[in-house]
Amino acid sequence: MAINYEQMMQSKTEGLEASYGDREVMLYALGVGFQRDPMNERELPFTYEKDLVVVPTFATVIPTGRPRAGAAAGSNPMSGINYLMVVHGEQRVTIHKPLPPAAEVVSDTRVLGVWDKGKDKGAIIVNERVIKEKSTGDKLATLVGTTFARGDGGFGGPKDGAPEPHQLPTRKPDLVHECDTRADQAFIYALSGDRNPLHRDPAVAKRAGFPKPILHGLCSFGTACRAVISTICDYDPKKITSFDVRFSSPVFPGETIVTEMWVDGEVVSYRSRLKERDVVVLNNGRCTIAK
């Protein structure tokens, strides 16, 4: 089934209600590697309910929820897509207000754009999700995700205008930080919501062409955020107002993610590679820091 461009561009869902609490916040922090050293008191606020703070990229695992009473249900913007050929291309997170340790939230989702790269080159689909605090109506975060549908090009949609990646500086990095991953990290991270068996079941991973299960891309994304928080932000997550990335290659649990950072005023550019294989796994990263 080919992509129906007009139908997809009209797809949206409003008033999706969900909630989260300190358990989800702490579990996510553990899932992206915080408190690997139980004696590291600088990381306790991320994993201990006393004075709990929230990792900004936790916004990516806040539950989508269900439509509130009276809200119109939207259509699935990804209908007609060949899911076997879909990969997560990019992720952008904008934090409008520091995420509280617990909240009831309301989300609105829509398709921002669909681009046809050609019959044998796939399609690019950009979705937006705006998360608001139910009690106040204040925006908490806006998530913009890019999906690369490798098997769905040639549907006759626009070819130009897709988002361009952030360009990294050409000089040597200003900071380099290593974050290890655990062999069982995908099992921990899966409890934050993404239970795709590709990340835990060896048989599924082999059918997908991998020698063993791969780490969630958004787990690597959160690990890079941990690197920025623990260096440039001096463990203050409220300094981060946006965190964007392009996914380049998978990580196998147990590998070491080395994040290179360039600081230019309020903008931190970053790239993550694997220490063991020297493969870039996250590229064209851009983080903004509050004044």
C-alpha atoms as a PDB file:
ATOM      1  CA  MET A   1       0.000   0.000   0.000  1.00  0.00           C
ATOM      2  CA  ALA A   2       1.491   3.339  -1.068  1.00  0.00           C
ATOM      3  CA  ILE A   3       1.611   6.367   1.225  1.00  0.00           C
ATOM      4  CA  ASN A   4      -1.463   8.582   0.882  1.00  0.00           C
ATOM      5  CA  TYR A   5       0.192  11.985   1.182  1.00  0.00           C
ATOM      6  CA  GLU A   6      -2.957  14.078   1.688  1.00  0.00           C
ATOM      7  CA  GLN A   7      -4.382  11.703   4.280  1.00  0.00           C
ATOM      8  CA  MET A   8      -1.108  11.525   6.171  1.00  0.00           C
ATOM      9  CA  MET A   9      -0.704  15.327   6.273  1.00  0.00           C
ATOM     10  CA  GLN A  10      -4.174  15.645   7.810  1.00  0.00           C
ATOM     11  CA  SER A  11      -3.487  13.066  10.508  1.00  0.00           C
ATOM     12  CA  LYS A  12      -3.542  14.356  14.060  1.00  0.00           C
ATOM     13  CA  THR A  13      -4.716  13.308  17.503  1.00  0.00           C
ATOM     14  CA  GLU A  14      -5.552  15.708  20.316  1.00  0.00           C
ATOM     15  CA  GLY A  15      -6.160  15.322  24.022  1.00  0.00           C
ATOM     16  CA  LEU A  16      -4.211  12.149  24.765  1.00  0.00           C
ATOM     17  CA  GLU A  17      -4.091  11.796  28.552  1.00  0.00           C
ATOM     18  CA  ALA A  18      -1.403   9.990  30.536  1.00  0.00           C
ATOM     19  CA  SER A  19       0.540  10.254  33.761  1.00  0.00           C
ATOM     20  CA  TYR A  20       3.904   9.339  35.244  1.00  0.00           C
ATOM     21  CA  GLY A  21       5.514   9.382  38.672  1.00  0.00           C
ATOM     22  CA  ASP A  22       8.831   9.154  40.461  1.00  0.00           C
ATOM     23  CA  ARG A  23       9.122   5.430  39.719  1.00  0.00           C
ATOM     24  CA  GLU A  24       9.181   6.045  35.958  1.00  0.00           C
ATOM     25  CA  VAL A  25      11.592   8.971  36.332  1.00  0.00           C
ATOM     26  CA  MET A  26      14.100   6.974  38.392  1.00  0.00           C
ATOM     27  CA  LEU A  27      13.790   3.857  36.219  1.00  0.00           C
ATOM     28  CA  TYR A  28      14.555   5.905  33.103  1.00  0.00           C
ATOM     29  CA  ALA A  29      17.633   7.446  34.737  1.00  0.00           C
ATOM     30  CA  LEU A  30      18.910   3.976  35.623  1.00  0.00           C
ATOM     31  CA  GLY A  31      18.143   2.815  32.084  1.00  0.00           C
ATOM     32  CA  VAL A  32      20.418   5.454  30.526  1.00  0.00           C
ATOM     33  CA  GLY A  33      23.229   4.734  32.973  1.00  0.00           C
ATOM     34  CA  PHE A  34      22.903   7.078  35.918  1.00  0.00           C
ATOM     35  CA  GLN A  35      24.101   5.783  39.306  1.00  0.00           C
ATOM     36  CA  ARG A  36      26.402   3.182  37.815  1.00  0.00           C
ATOM     37  CA  ASP A  37      28.559   4.067  40.800  1.00  0.00           C
ATOM     38  CA  PRO A  38      26.227   3.794  43.843  1.00  0.00           C
ATOM     39  CA  MET A  39      28.558   6.111  45.788  1.00  0.00           C
ATOM     40  CA  ASN A  40      28.309   8.937  43.266  1.00  0.00           C
ATOM     41  CA  GLU A  41      26.304  11.486  45.252  1.00  0.00           C
ATOM     42  CA  ARG A  42      26.150  13.887  42.288  1.00  0.00           C
ATOM     43  CA  GLU A  43      23.843  11.422  40.514  1.00  0.00           C
ATOM     44  CA  LEU A  44      21.599  10.622  43.494  1.00  0.00           C
ATOM     45  CA  PRO A  45      19.028  13.342  42.599  1.00  0.00           C
ATOM     46  CA  PHE A  46      18.286  11.422  39.366  1.00  0.00           C
ATOM     47  CA  THR A  47      17.733   8.039  41.015  1.00  0.00           C
ATOM     48  CA  TYR A  48      16.544   8.765  44.571  1.00  0.00           C
ATOM     49  CA  GLU A  49      13.150  10.209  45.426  1.00  0.00           C
ATOM     50  CA  LYS A  50      14.679  12.766  47.797  1.00  0.00           C
ATOM     51  CA  ASP A  51      15.012  16.040  45.808  1.00  0.00           C
ATOM     52  CA  LEU A  52      14.323  14.138  42.575  1.00  0.00           C
ATOM     53  CA  VAL A  53      15.194  15.809  39.244  1.00  0.00           C
ATOM     54  CA  VAL A  54      14.321  14.628  35.735  1.00  0.00           C
ATOM     55  CA  VAL A  55      16.613  13.884  32.789  1.00  0.00           C
ATOM     56  CA  PRO A  56      15.319  16.095  29.912  1.00  0.00           C
ATOM     57  CA  THR A  57      15.273  13.198  27.441  1.00  0.00           C
ATOM     58  CA  PHE A  58      12.801  11.419  29.733  1.00  0.00           C
ATOM     59  CA  ALA A  59      10.255  13.342  27.647  1.00  0.00           C
ATOM     60  CA  THR A  60      10.712  10.725  24.910  1.00  0.00           C
ATOM     61  CA  VAL A  61       9.267   7.960  27.124  1.00  0.00           C
ATOM     62  CA  ILE A  62       6.360   9.856  28.689  1.00  0.00           C
ATOM     63  CA  PRO A  63       3.360   7.633  27.848  1.00  0.00           C
ATOM     64  CA  THR A  64       1.243   8.706  24.894  1.00  0.00           C
ATOM     65  CA  GLY A  65      -1.992   7.778  26.676  1.00  0.00           C
ATOM     66  CA  ARG A  66      -5.576   7.640  25.447  1.00  0.00           C
ATOM     67  CA  PRO A  67      -7.961  10.317  24.158  1.00  0.00           C
ATOM     68  CA  ARG A  68      -9.761  12.137  26.960  1.00  0.00           C
ATOM     69  CA  ALA A  69     -13.539  11.914  27.120  1.00  0.00           C
ATOM     70  CA  GLY A  70     -15.120  13.712  24.189  1.00  0.00           C
ATOM     71  CA  ALA A  71     -11.889  14.052  22.188  1.00  0.00           C
ATOM     72  CA  ALA A  72     -11.941  12.948  18.589  1.00  0.00           C
ATOM     73  CA  ALA A  73      -9.705   9.979  17.840  1.00  0.00           C
ATOM     74  CA  GLY A  74      -7.220  10.642  15.073  1.00  0.00           C
ATOM     75  CA  SER A  75      -6.116   8.284  12.342  1.00  0.00           C
ATOM     76  CA  ASN A  76      -2.821   6.461  12.445  1.00  0.00           C
ATOM     77  CA  PRO A  77      -0.355   8.662  10.519  1.00  0.00           C
ATOM     78  CA  MET A  78       1.852   5.632   9.859  1.00  0.00           C
ATOM     79  CA  SER A  79      -0.843   3.508   8.221  1.00  0.00           C
ATOM     80  CA  GLY A  80       0.288   2.016   4.928  1.00  0.00           C
ATOM     81  CA  ILE A  81       3.949   2.025   5.957  1.00  0.00           C
ATOM     82  CA  ASN A  82       6.119  -1.082   5.620  1.00  0.00           C
ATOM     83  CA  TYR A  83       7.233  -1.354   9.260  1.00  0.00           C
ATOM     84  CA  LEU A  84       9.938  -3.919   8.464  1.00  0.00           C
ATOM     85  CA  MET A  85      11.784  -1.186   6.564  1.00  0.00           C
ATOM     86  CA  VAL A  86      11.303   1.644   9.080  1.00  0.00           C
ATOM     87  CA  VAL A  87      14.141   3.161  11.119  1.00  0.00           C
ATOM     88  CA  HIS A  88      14.258   6.082  13.550  1.00  0.00           C
ATOM     89  CA  GLY A  89      16.204   8.785  11.715  1.00  0.00           C
ATOM     90  CA  GLU A  90      16.288  11.802  14.017  1.00  0.00           C
ATOM     91  CA  GLN A  91      14.934  12.952  17.367  1.00  0.00           C
ATOM     92  CA  ARG A  92      14.506  16.504  18.627  1.00  0.00           C
ATOM     93  CA  VAL A  93      13.389  17.434  22.139  1.00  0.00           C
ATOM     94  CA  THR A  94      12.518  20.975  23.207  1.00  0.00           C
ATOM     95  CA  ILE A  95      11.965  21.556  26.919  1.00  0.00           C
ATOM     96  CA  HIS A  96       9.607  24.461  27.587  1.00  0.00           C
ATOM     97  CA  LYS A  97       9.478  23.971  31.347  1.00  0.00           C
ATOM     98  CA  PRO A  98      11.587  21.693  33.584  1.00  0.00           C
ATOM     99  CA  LEU A  99       9.876  18.314  33.736  1.00  0.00           C
ATOM    100  CA  PRO A 100       8.310  17.683  37.166  1.00  0.00           C
ATOM    101  CA  PRO A 101       9.047  14.380  38.974  1.00  0.00           C
ATOM    102  CA  ALA A 102       5.375  13.434  38.615  1.00  0.00           C
ATOM    103  CA  ALA A 103       2.611  14.799  36.403  1.00  0.00           C
ATOM    104  CA  GLU A 104      -0.644  14.205  34.612  1.00  0.00           C
ATOM    105  CA  VAL A 105      -0.134  15.225  30.996  1.00  0.00           C
ATOM    106  CA  VAL A 106      -2.115  15.866  27.820  1.00  0.00           C
ATOM    107  CA  SER A 107      -0.534  15.381  24.386  1.00  0.00           C
ATOM    108  CA  ASP A 108      -1.384  16.480  20.868  1.00  0.00           C
ATOM    109  CA  THR A 109       0.238  14.784  17.858  1.00  0.00           C
ATOM    110  CA  ARG A 110       0.392  15.650  14.167  1.00  0.00           C
ATOM    111  CA  VAL A 111       2.412  15.043  11.009  1.00  0.00           C
ATOM    112  CA  LEU A 112       4.667  17.980  10.116  1.00  0.00           C
ATOM    113  CA  GLY A 113       5.804  16.738   6.743  1.00  0.00           C
ATOM    114  CA  VAL A 114       6.327  13.802   4.374  1.00  0.00           C
ATOM    115  CA  TRP A 115       9.024  13.791   1.717  1.00  0.00           C
ATOM    116  CA  ASP A 116       9.465  11.380  -1.188  1.00  0.00           C
ATOM    117  CA  LYS A 117      13.140  10.539  -1.782  1.00  0.00           C
ATOM    118  CA  GLY A 118      12.389   8.266  -4.751  1.00  0.00           C
ATOM    119  CA  LYS A 119      11.131   4.750  -5.447  1.00  0.00           C
ATOM    120  CA  ASP A 120      14.336   3.041  -4.325  1.00  0.00           C
ATOM    121  CA  LYS A 121      15.340   5.669  -1.737  1.00  0.00           C
ATOM    122  CA  GLY A 122      12.398   5.681   0.669  1.00  0.00           C
ATOM    123  CA  ALA A 123      10.373   8.399   2.364  1.00  0.00           C
ATOM    124  CA  ILE A 124      10.970  10.760   5.276  1.00  0.00           C
ATOM    125  CA  ILE A 125       8.117  11.363   7.727  1.00  0.00           C
ATOM    126  CA  VAL A 126       8.308  13.988  10.466  1.00  0.00           C
ATOM    127  CA  ASN A 127       5.910  13.767  13.419  1.00  0.00           C
ATOM    128  CA  GLU A 128       5.383  16.226  16.266  1.00  0.00           C
ATOM    129  CA  ARG A 129       4.106  15.614  19.782  1.00  0.00           C
ATOM    130  CA  VAL A 130       3.383  18.481  22.171  1.00  0.00           C
ATOM    131  CA  ILE A 131       3.174  17.463  25.843  1.00  0.00           C
ATOM    132  CA  LYS A 132       1.326  19.762  28.258  1.00  0.00           C
ATOM    133  CA  GLU A 133       0.784  19.677  31.992  1.00  0.00           C
ATOM    134  CA  LYS A 134      -2.886  18.838  32.530  1.00  0.00           C
ATOM    135  CA  SER A 135      -3.325  20.931  35.690  1.00  0.00           C
ATOM    136  CA  THR A 136      -1.969  24.167  34.201  1.00  0.00           C
ATOM    137  CA  GLY A 137      -2.077  23.711  30.433  1.00  0.00           C
ATOM    138  CA  ASP A 138       1.590  24.730  30.312  1.00  0.00           C
ATOM    139  CA  LYS A 139       3.748  23.176  27.622  1.00  0.00           C
ATOM    140  CA  LEU A 140       6.334  20.825  29.078  1.00  0.00           C
ATOM    141  CA  ALA A 141       8.032  19.505  25.954  1.00  0.00           C
ATOM    142  CA  THR A 142       7.776  19.267  22.193  1.00  0.00           C
ATOM    143  CA  LEU A 143       9.079  16.109  20.513  1.00  0.00           C
ATOM    144  CA  VAL A 144       9.825  16.024  16.795  1.00  0.00           C
ATOM    145  CA  GLY A 145      10.779  12.633  15.409  1.00  0.00           C
ATOM    146  CA  THR A 146      11.933  11.760  11.904  1.00  0.00           C
ATOM    147  CA  THR A 147      11.110   8.334  10.521  1.00  0.00           C
ATOM    148  CA  PHE A 148      12.962   6.958   7.508  1.00  0.00           C
ATOM    149  CA  ALA A 149      10.586   4.596   5.700  1.00  0.00           C
ATOM    150  CA  ARG A 150      13.078   2.815   3.453  1.00  0.00           C
ATOM    151  CA  GLY A 151      10.474   0.857   1.513  1.00  0.00           C
ATOM    152  CA  ASP A 152       7.894   3.561   0.849  1.00  0.00           C
ATOM    153  CA  GLY A 153       9.423   5.982  -1.639  1.00  0.00           C
ATOM    154  CA  GLY A 154       7.878   6.770  -5.021  1.00  0.00           C
ATOM    155  CA  PHE A 155       4.438   7.819  -3.773  1.00  0.00           C
ATOM    156  CA  GLY A 156       4.504  11.168  -5.600  1.00  0.00           C
ATOM    157  CA  GLY A 157       5.039  13.517  -2.651  1.00  0.00           C
ATOM    158  CA  PRO A 158       7.354  16.541  -2.401  1.00  0.00           C
ATOM    159  CA  LYS A 159      11.064  15.825  -2.802  1.00  0.00           C
ATOM    160  CA  ASP A 160      12.631  18.943  -1.323  1.00  0.00           C
ATOM    161  CA  GLY A 161      12.348  20.733   2.005  1.00  0.00           C
ATOM    162  CA  ALA A 162      13.111  17.954   4.498  1.00  0.00           C
ATOM    163  CA  PRO A 163      14.914  19.141   7.667  1.00  0.00           C
ATOM    164  CA  GLU A 164      18.668  19.579   7.283  1.00  0.00           C
ATOM    165  CA  PRO A 165      21.006  18.123   9.938  1.00  0.00           C
ATOM    166  CA  HIS A 166      22.941  20.349  12.329  1.00  0.00           C
ATOM    167  CA  GLN A 167      26.520  20.815  11.132  1.00  0.00           C
ATOM    168  CA  LEU A 168      29.279  20.014  13.603  1.00  0.00           C
ATOM    169  CA  PRO A 169      32.326  22.258  14.024  1.00  0.00           C
ATOM    170  CA  THR A 170      35.462  21.168  12.165  1.00  0.00           C
ATOM    171  CA  ARG A 171      37.840  21.823  15.075  1.00  0.00           C
ATOM    172  CA  LYS A 172      38.824  19.268  17.690  1.00  0.00           C
ATOM    173  CA  PRO A 173      36.188  18.628  20.402  1.00  0.00           C
ATOM    174  CA  ASP A 174      36.291  20.860  23.471  1.00  0.00           C
ATOM    175  CA  LEU A 175      35.254  17.963  25.735  1.00  0.00           C
ATOM    176  CA  VAL A 176      35.168  14.173  25.452  1.00  0.00           C
ATOM    177  CA  HIS A 177      33.239  11.986  27.900  1.00  0.00           C
ATOM    178  CA  GLU A 178      32.923   8.189  28.106  1.00  0.00           C
ATOM    179  CA  CYS A 179      29.752   6.407  29.248  1.00  0.00           C
ATOM    180  CA  ASP A 180      29.743   2.653  29.584  1.00  0.00           C
ATOM    181  CA  THR A 181      26.666   0.563  28.842  1.00  0.00           C
ATOM    182  CA  ARG A 182      25.752  -2.654  30.635  1.00  0.00           C
ATOM    183  CA  ALA A 183      25.279  -5.997  28.927  1.00  0.00           C
ATOM    184  CA  ASP A 184      21.716  -6.063  30.324  1.00  0.00           C
ATOM    185  CA  GLN A 185      20.945  -2.387  29.749  1.00  0.00           C
ATOM    186  CA  ALA A 186      18.349  -2.975  27.029  1.00  0.00           C
ATOM    187  CA  PHE A 187      16.309  -5.056  29.493  1.00  0.00           C
ATOM    188  CA  ILE A 188      16.297  -2.170  31.977  1.00  0.00           C
ATOM    189  CA  TYR A 189      15.519   0.481  29.366  1.00  0.00           C
ATOM    190  CA  ALA A 190      12.686  -1.619  27.882  1.00  0.00           C
ATOM    191  CA  LEU A 191      10.771  -1.134  31.149  1.00  0.00           C
ATOM    192  CA  SER A 192      10.460   2.567  30.257  1.00  0.00           C
ATOM    193  CA  GLY A 193       8.093   1.621  27.455  1.00  0.00           C
ATOM    194  CA  ASP A 194       9.819   0.301  24.334  1.00  0.00           C
ATOM    195  CA  ARG A 195       9.479  -3.500  24.519  1.00  0.00           C
ATOM    196  CA  ASN A 196      10.469  -4.204  20.930  1.00  0.00           C
ATOM    197  CA  PRO A 197      11.947  -7.741  21.074  1.00  0.00           C
ATOM    198  CA  LEU A 198      14.716  -6.644  18.688  1.00  0.00           C
ATOM    199  CA  HIS A 199      16.480  -5.248  21.753  1.00  0.00           C
ATOM    200  CA  ARG A 200      16.198  -8.378  23.939  1.00  0.00           C
ATOM    201  CA  ASP A 201      15.443 -11.511  21.930  1.00  0.00           C
ATOM    202  CA  PRO A 202      18.501 -13.036  20.161  1.00  0.00           C
ATOM    203  CA  ALA A 203      16.316 -14.897  17.654  1.00  0.00           C
ATOM    204  CA  VAL A 204      14.476 -11.714  16.618  1.00  0.00           C
ATOM    205  CA  ALA A 205      17.758  -9.813  16.336  1.00  0.00           C
ATOM    206  CA  LYS A 206      19.213 -12.478  14.037  1.00  0.00           C
ATOM    207  CA  ARG A 207      16.127 -12.364  11.794  1.00  0.00           C
ATOM    208  CA  ALA A 208      16.668  -8.611  11.536  1.00  0.00           C
ATOM    209  CA  GLY A 209      20.267  -9.156  10.455  1.00  0.00           C
ATOM    210  CA  PHE A 210      22.093  -8.475  13.727  1.00  0.00           C
ATOM    211  CA  PRO A 211      24.387 -10.958  15.489  1.00  0.00           C
ATOM    212  CA  LYS A 212      22.713 -10.117  18.806  1.00  0.00           C
ATOM    213  CA  PRO A 213      20.133  -7.675  20.235  1.00  0.00           C
ATOM    214  CA  ILE A 214      20.916  -3.976  19.812  1.00  0.00           C
ATOM    215  CA  LEU A 215      20.460  -1.168  22.304  1.00  0.00           C
ATOM    216  CA  HIS A 216      17.494   1.166  21.825  1.00  0.00           C
ATOM    217  CA  GLY A 217      18.490   4.256  19.841  1.00  0.00           C
ATOM    218  CA  LEU A 218      16.710   6.467  22.361  1.00  0.00           C
ATOM    219  CA  CYS A 219      18.714   4.816  25.130  1.00  0.00           C
ATOM    220  CA  SER A 220      21.923   5.912  23.381  1.00  0.00           C
ATOM    221  CA  PHE A 221      20.303   9.339  22.997  1.00  0.00           C
ATOM    222  CA  GLY A 222      19.673   9.510  26.752  1.00  0.00           C
ATOM    223  CA  THR A 223      23.222   8.321  27.417  1.00  0.00           C
ATOM    224  CA  ALA A 224      24.589  11.244  25.380  1.00  0.00           C
ATOM    225  CA  CYS A 225      22.366  13.565  27.406  1.00  0.00           C
ATOM    226  CA  ARG A 226      23.915  12.076  30.560  1.00  0.00           C
ATOM    227  CA  ALA A 227      27.350  12.968  29.175  1.00  0.00           C
ATOM    228  CA  VAL A 228      26.336  16.608  28.662  1.00  0.00           C
ATOM    229  CA  ILE A 229      24.622  16.830  32.057  1.00  0.00           C
ATOM    230  CA  SER A 230      27.619  15.445  33.924  1.00  0.00           C
ATOM    231  CA  THR A 231      30.157  17.701  32.206  1.00  0.00           C
ATOM    232  CA  ILE A 232      28.892  20.966  30.736  1.00  0.00           C
ATOM    233  CA  CYS A 233      25.803  21.238  32.969  1.00  0.00           C
ATOM    234  CA  ASP A 234      27.573  20.254  36.216  1.00  0.00           C
ATOM    235  CA  TYR A 235      24.714  17.799  36.950  1.00  0.00           C
ATOM    236  CA  ASP A 236      21.970  20.448  36.593  1.00  0.00           C
ATOM    237  CA  PRO A 237      19.467  19.066  34.011  1.00  0.00           C
ATOM    238  CA  LYS A 238      17.412  22.271  34.105  1.00  0.00           C
ATOM    239  CA  LYS A 239      20.130  23.968  32.050  1.00  0.00           C
ATOM    240  CA  ILE A 240      19.186  21.937  28.965  1.00  0.00           C
ATOM    241  CA  THR A 241      16.436  23.517  26.856  1.00  0.00           C
ATOM    242  CA  SER A 242      16.731  21.317  23.761  1.00  0.00           C
ATOM    243  CA  PHE A 243      18.479  18.115  22.726  1.00  0.00           C
ATOM    244  CA  ASP A 244      18.561  16.922  19.103  1.00  0.00           C
ATOM    245  CA  VAL A 245      20.324  14.124  17.233  1.00  0.00           C
ATOM    246  CA  ARG A 246      20.569  12.048  14.063  1.00  0.00           C
ATOM    247  CA  PHE A 247      20.875   8.273  14.556  1.00  0.00           C
ATOM    248  CA  SER A 248      23.753   6.741  12.591  1.00  0.00           C
ATOM    249  CA  SER A 249      24.450   3.180  13.719  1.00  0.00           C
ATOM    250  CA  PRO A 250      23.299   0.695  16.393  1.00  0.00           C
ATOM    251  CA  VAL A 251      25.015   0.040  19.714  1.00  0.00           C
ATOM    252  CA  PHE A 252      25.429  -3.422  21.199  1.00  0.00           C
ATOM    253  CA  PRO A 253      24.791  -3.491  24.968  1.00  0.00           C
ATOM    254  CA  GLY A 254      28.078  -3.523  26.838  1.00  0.00           C
ATOM    255  CA  GLU A 255      29.877  -1.163  24.449  1.00  0.00           C
ATOM    256  CA  THR A 256      31.273   2.217  25.536  1.00  0.00           C
ATOM    257  CA  ILE A 257      29.682   5.378  24.131  1.00  0.00           C
ATOM    258  CA  VAL A 258      32.218   8.194  23.774  1.00  0.00           C
ATOM    259  CA  THR A 259      30.597  11.612  23.333  1.00  0.00           C
ATOM    260  CA  GLU A 260      32.565  14.456  21.752  1.00  0.00           C
ATOM    261  CA  MET A 261      31.296  17.961  22.537  1.00  0.00           C
ATOM    262  CA  TRP A 262      31.889  21.413  21.078  1.00  0.00           C
ATOM    263  CA  VAL A 263      30.762  24.443  23.105  1.00  0.00           C
ATOM    264  CA  ASP A 264      29.845  27.660  21.295  1.00  0.00           C
ATOM    265  CA  GLY A 265      28.009  29.970  23.680  1.00  0.00           C
ATOM    266  CA  GLU A 266      24.580  28.510  24.377  1.00  0.00           C
ATOM    267  CA  VAL A 267      24.929  25.793  21.723  1.00  0.00           C
ATOM    268  CA  VAL A 268      26.615  22.464  22.414  1.00  0.00           C
ATOM    269  CA  SER A 269      27.286  20.369  19.314  1.00  0.00           C
ATOM    270  CA  TYR A 270      27.944  16.690  19.936  1.00  0.00           C
ATOM    271  CA  ARG A 271      28.682  13.355  18.315  1.00  0.00           C
ATOM    272  CA  SER A 272      28.903   9.895  19.897  1.00  0.00           C
ATOM    273  CA  ARG A 273      31.056   7.015  18.750  1.00  0.00           C
ATOM    274  CA  LEU A 274      31.888   3.568  20.108  1.00  0.00           C
ATOM    275  CA  LYS A 275      35.204   3.093  21.847  1.00  0.00           C
ATOM    276  CA  GLU A 276      35.450  -0.568  20.879  1.00  0.00           C
ATOM    277  CA  ARG A 277      34.592  -0.264  17.165  1.00  0.00           C
ATOM    278  CA  ASP A 278      35.196   3.434  16.388  1.00  0.00           C
ATOM    279  CA  VAL A 279      31.741   3.672  14.797  1.00  0.00           C
ATOM    280  CA  VAL A 280      29.703   6.891  14.951  1.00  0.00           C
ATOM    281  CA  VAL A 281      26.318   6.025  16.479  1.00  0.00           C
ATOM    282  CA  LEU A 282      24.889   9.506  17.095  1.00  0.00           C
ATOM    283  CA  ASN A 283      25.693  12.370  14.748  1.00  0.00           C
ATOM    284  CA  ASN A 284      24.856  16.030  14.087  1.00  0.00           C
ATOM    285  CA  GLY A 285      23.842  16.476  17.722  1.00  0.00           C
ATOM    286  CA  ARG A 286      22.733  19.886  18.966  1.00  0.00           C
ATOM    287  CA  CYS A 287      21.955  20.872  22.569  1.00  0.00           C
ATOM    288  CA  THR A 288      21.003  24.335  23.770  1.00  0.00           C
ATOM    289  CA  ILE A 289      21.855  25.527  27.275  1.00  0.00           C
ATOM    290  CA  ALA A 290      19.863  28.149  29.171  1.00  0.00           C
ATOM    291  CA  LYS A 291      21.633  31.404  29.928  1.00  0.00           C
END
